[in-house]
């Protein structure tokens, strides 16, 4: 499987999981309701409108995704670059779908002392962390060479 196909698969699975869970939350938990799981962890049905979300921010997100695609195209031979690319594209797409369709993102997992979040947010977070690892992880120097 090519790196592009792997990235597309990760993005598609991320969007599908994100949208499926959000749909389940919207149909099973009343808006504003909290369902306590344990130790202060709640399932919620919350809407995150963002700070000042508008068409400008949508355009910025699309531009950032295009920049990520350009980066991926230029570095697709780098080990594991497909993983953060797929996670970031999938996570951003999942939240953009909500923003365009509903004007707000559905958040559903609420930890104590932390804002509610969703699958797309987790994918974006792990996408950034794995991108940092891909870019700055173990040295890729010739074998046997020491720093």
Protein backbone atom coordinates (compact mmCIF):
# COMPACT_ATOMS: atom_id res chain seq x y z
CA UNK A 1 0.00 0.00 0.00
CA UNK A 2 1.39 3.41 -0.93
CA UNK A 3 1.94 6.17 1.60
CA UNK A 4 -0.86 8.17 -0.06
CA UNK A 5 -3.27 5.26 0.23
CA UNK A 6 -2.33 4.78 3.89
CA UNK A 7 -2.88 8.47 4.65
CA UNK A 8 -6.23 8.41 2.85
CA UNK A 9 -7.30 5.30 4.76
CA UNK A 10 -6.35 6.83 8.13
CA UNK A 11 -8.20 10.05 7.22
CA UNK A 12 -11.32 8.16 6.07
CA UNK A 13 -11.41 5.97 9.20
CA UNK A 14 -10.91 9.04 11.39
CA UNK A 15 -13.75 10.98 9.74
CA UNK A 16 -16.06 7.95 9.82
CA UNK A 17 -15.38 7.23 13.50
CA UNK A 18 -15.69 10.89 14.45
CA UNK A 19 -18.97 11.43 12.62
CA UNK A 20 -20.46 8.11 13.80
CA UNK A 21 -19.75 8.82 17.46
CA UNK A 22 -21.02 12.40 17.18
CA UNK A 23 -24.24 11.16 15.54
CA UNK A 24 -24.67 8.59 18.32
CA UNK A 25 -24.14 11.27 20.97
CA UNK A 26 -26.61 13.67 19.32
CA UNK A 27 -29.29 10.95 19.21
CA UNK A 28 -28.78 9.42 22.68
CA UNK A 29 -27.78 12.31 24.97
CA UNK A 30 -29.89 15.45 25.24
CA UNK A 31 -28.05 18.65 24.44
CA UNK A 32 -26.47 20.01 27.61
CA UNK A 33 -26.99 16.70 29.47
CA UNK A 34 -24.12 15.01 31.31
CA UNK A 35 -23.85 11.26 31.86
CA UNK A 36 -21.32 10.44 34.56
CA UNK A 37 -19.08 7.47 33.81
CA UNK A 38 -16.64 7.39 36.74
CA UNK A 39 -14.19 9.59 38.65
CA UNK A 40 -15.71 12.81 37.33
CA UNK A 41 -15.51 11.74 33.68
CA UNK A 42 -18.69 12.56 31.77
CA UNK A 43 -20.26 11.95 28.41
CA UNK A 44 -21.90 15.17 27.24
CA UNK A 45 -23.68 16.60 24.25
CA UNK A 46 -22.04 19.99 23.90
CA UNK A 47 -21.60 22.38 20.98
CA UNK A 48 -18.34 24.21 20.55
CA UNK A 49 -18.82 27.30 18.43
CA UNK A 50 -15.18 28.33 18.84
CA UNK A 51 -13.93 31.80 19.62
CA UNK A 52 -15.02 33.64 16.49
CA UNK A 53 -15.58 31.03 13.85
CA UNK A 54 -16.50 32.35 10.46
CA UNK A 55 -15.78 31.90 6.79
CA UNK A 56 -12.26 33.31 7.30
CA UNK A 57 -11.38 30.53 9.74
CA UNK A 58 -12.85 27.89 7.39
CA UNK A 59 -10.66 29.27 4.61
CA UNK A 60 -7.64 29.22 6.93
CA UNK A 61 -8.33 25.57 7.84
CA UNK A 62 -8.66 24.64 4.16
CA UNK A 63 -5.38 26.45 3.40
CA UNK A 64 -3.65 24.61 6.26
CA UNK A 65 -4.94 21.27 4.93
CA UNK A 66 -3.67 22.14 1.46
CA UNK A 67 -0.27 23.05 2.92
CA UNK A 68 -0.22 19.71 4.73
CA UNK A 69 -0.97 17.92 1.46
CA UNK A 70 1.87 19.77 -0.26
CA UNK A 71 4.22 18.85 2.60
CA UNK A 72 3.11 15.22 2.35
CA UNK A 73 3.60 15.15 -1.43
CA UNK A 74 7.15 16.46 -1.03
CA UNK A 75 8.04 14.12 1.86
CA UNK A 76 5.98 10.99 1.22
CA UNK A 77 9.10 8.81 1.29
CA UNK A 78 9.82 9.80 4.89
CA UNK A 79 8.96 6.91 7.24
CA UNK A 80 5.54 7.19 8.88
CA UNK A 81 4.68 10.60 7.36
CA UNK A 82 1.40 9.07 6.17
CA UNK A 83 0.19 8.61 9.77
CA UNK A 84 0.18 12.24 10.99
CA UNK A 85 -1.02 13.35 7.55
CA UNK A 86 -4.04 11.04 7.74
CA UNK A 87 -4.79 11.92 11.37
CA UNK A 88 -4.58 15.68 10.78
CA UNK A 89 -6.63 15.60 7.59
CA UNK A 90 -9.23 13.28 9.13
CA UNK A 91 -9.51 15.26 12.36
CA UNK A 92 -9.73 18.63 10.65
CA UNK A 93 -12.26 17.29 8.15
CA UNK A 94 -14.42 15.79 10.90
CA UNK A 95 -14.63 19.10 12.74
CA UNK A 96 -15.07 21.11 9.52
CA UNK A 97 -18.03 18.93 8.57
CA UNK A 98 -19.69 19.89 11.87
CA UNK A 99 -18.84 23.59 11.45
CA UNK A 100 -20.28 23.73 7.94
CA UNK A 101 -23.34 21.57 8.67
CA UNK A 102 -24.25 22.81 12.15
CA UNK A 103 -22.22 25.95 12.76
CA UNK A 104 -20.57 24.26 15.76
CA UNK A 105 -18.59 21.14 16.64
CA UNK A 106 -20.20 18.41 18.73
CA UNK A 107 -17.99 17.59 21.73
CA UNK A 108 -18.86 14.64 23.92
CA UNK A 109 -16.03 13.49 26.19
CA UNK A 110 -15.55 15.63 29.28
CA UNK A 111 -12.67 15.20 31.72
CA UNK A 112 -12.38 17.11 35.00
CA UNK A 113 -10.58 20.44 34.54
CA UNK A 114 -10.44 20.02 30.74
CA UNK A 115 -12.80 21.21 28.00
CA UNK A 116 -15.00 18.61 26.32
CA UNK A 117 -13.56 17.09 23.15
CA UNK A 118 -14.23 14.50 20.44
CA UNK A 119 -12.55 11.90 18.20
CA UNK A 120 -11.44 14.56 15.69
CA UNK A 121 -9.72 16.54 18.47
CA UNK A 122 -7.87 13.43 19.61
CA UNK A 123 -6.81 12.69 16.02
CA UNK A 124 -5.51 16.25 15.59
CA UNK A 125 -3.58 16.07 18.87
CA UNK A 126 -1.99 12.71 18.04
CA UNK A 127 -1.43 13.93 14.47
CA UNK A 128 0.63 16.87 15.73
CA UNK A 129 2.56 14.66 18.15
CA UNK A 130 3.32 12.04 15.50
CA UNK A 131 4.27 14.76 12.99
CA UNK A 132 6.77 16.11 15.53
CA UNK A 133 8.13 12.59 15.96
CA UNK A 134 8.40 12.09 12.20
CA UNK A 135 10.19 15.43 11.81
CA UNK A 136 12.33 15.41 14.95
CA UNK A 137 12.36 11.77 16.10
CA UNK A 138 15.30 9.38 16.05
CA UNK A 139 18.17 10.56 13.86
CA UNK A 140 18.13 9.25 10.32
CA UNK A 141 21.89 9.38 9.84
CA UNK A 142 23.97 6.64 8.34
CA UNK A 143 24.21 3.50 10.50
CA UNK A 144 27.11 3.53 12.91
CA UNK A 145 27.54 7.29 12.87
CA UNK A 146 27.56 8.82 16.33
CA UNK A 147 26.64 12.35 17.31
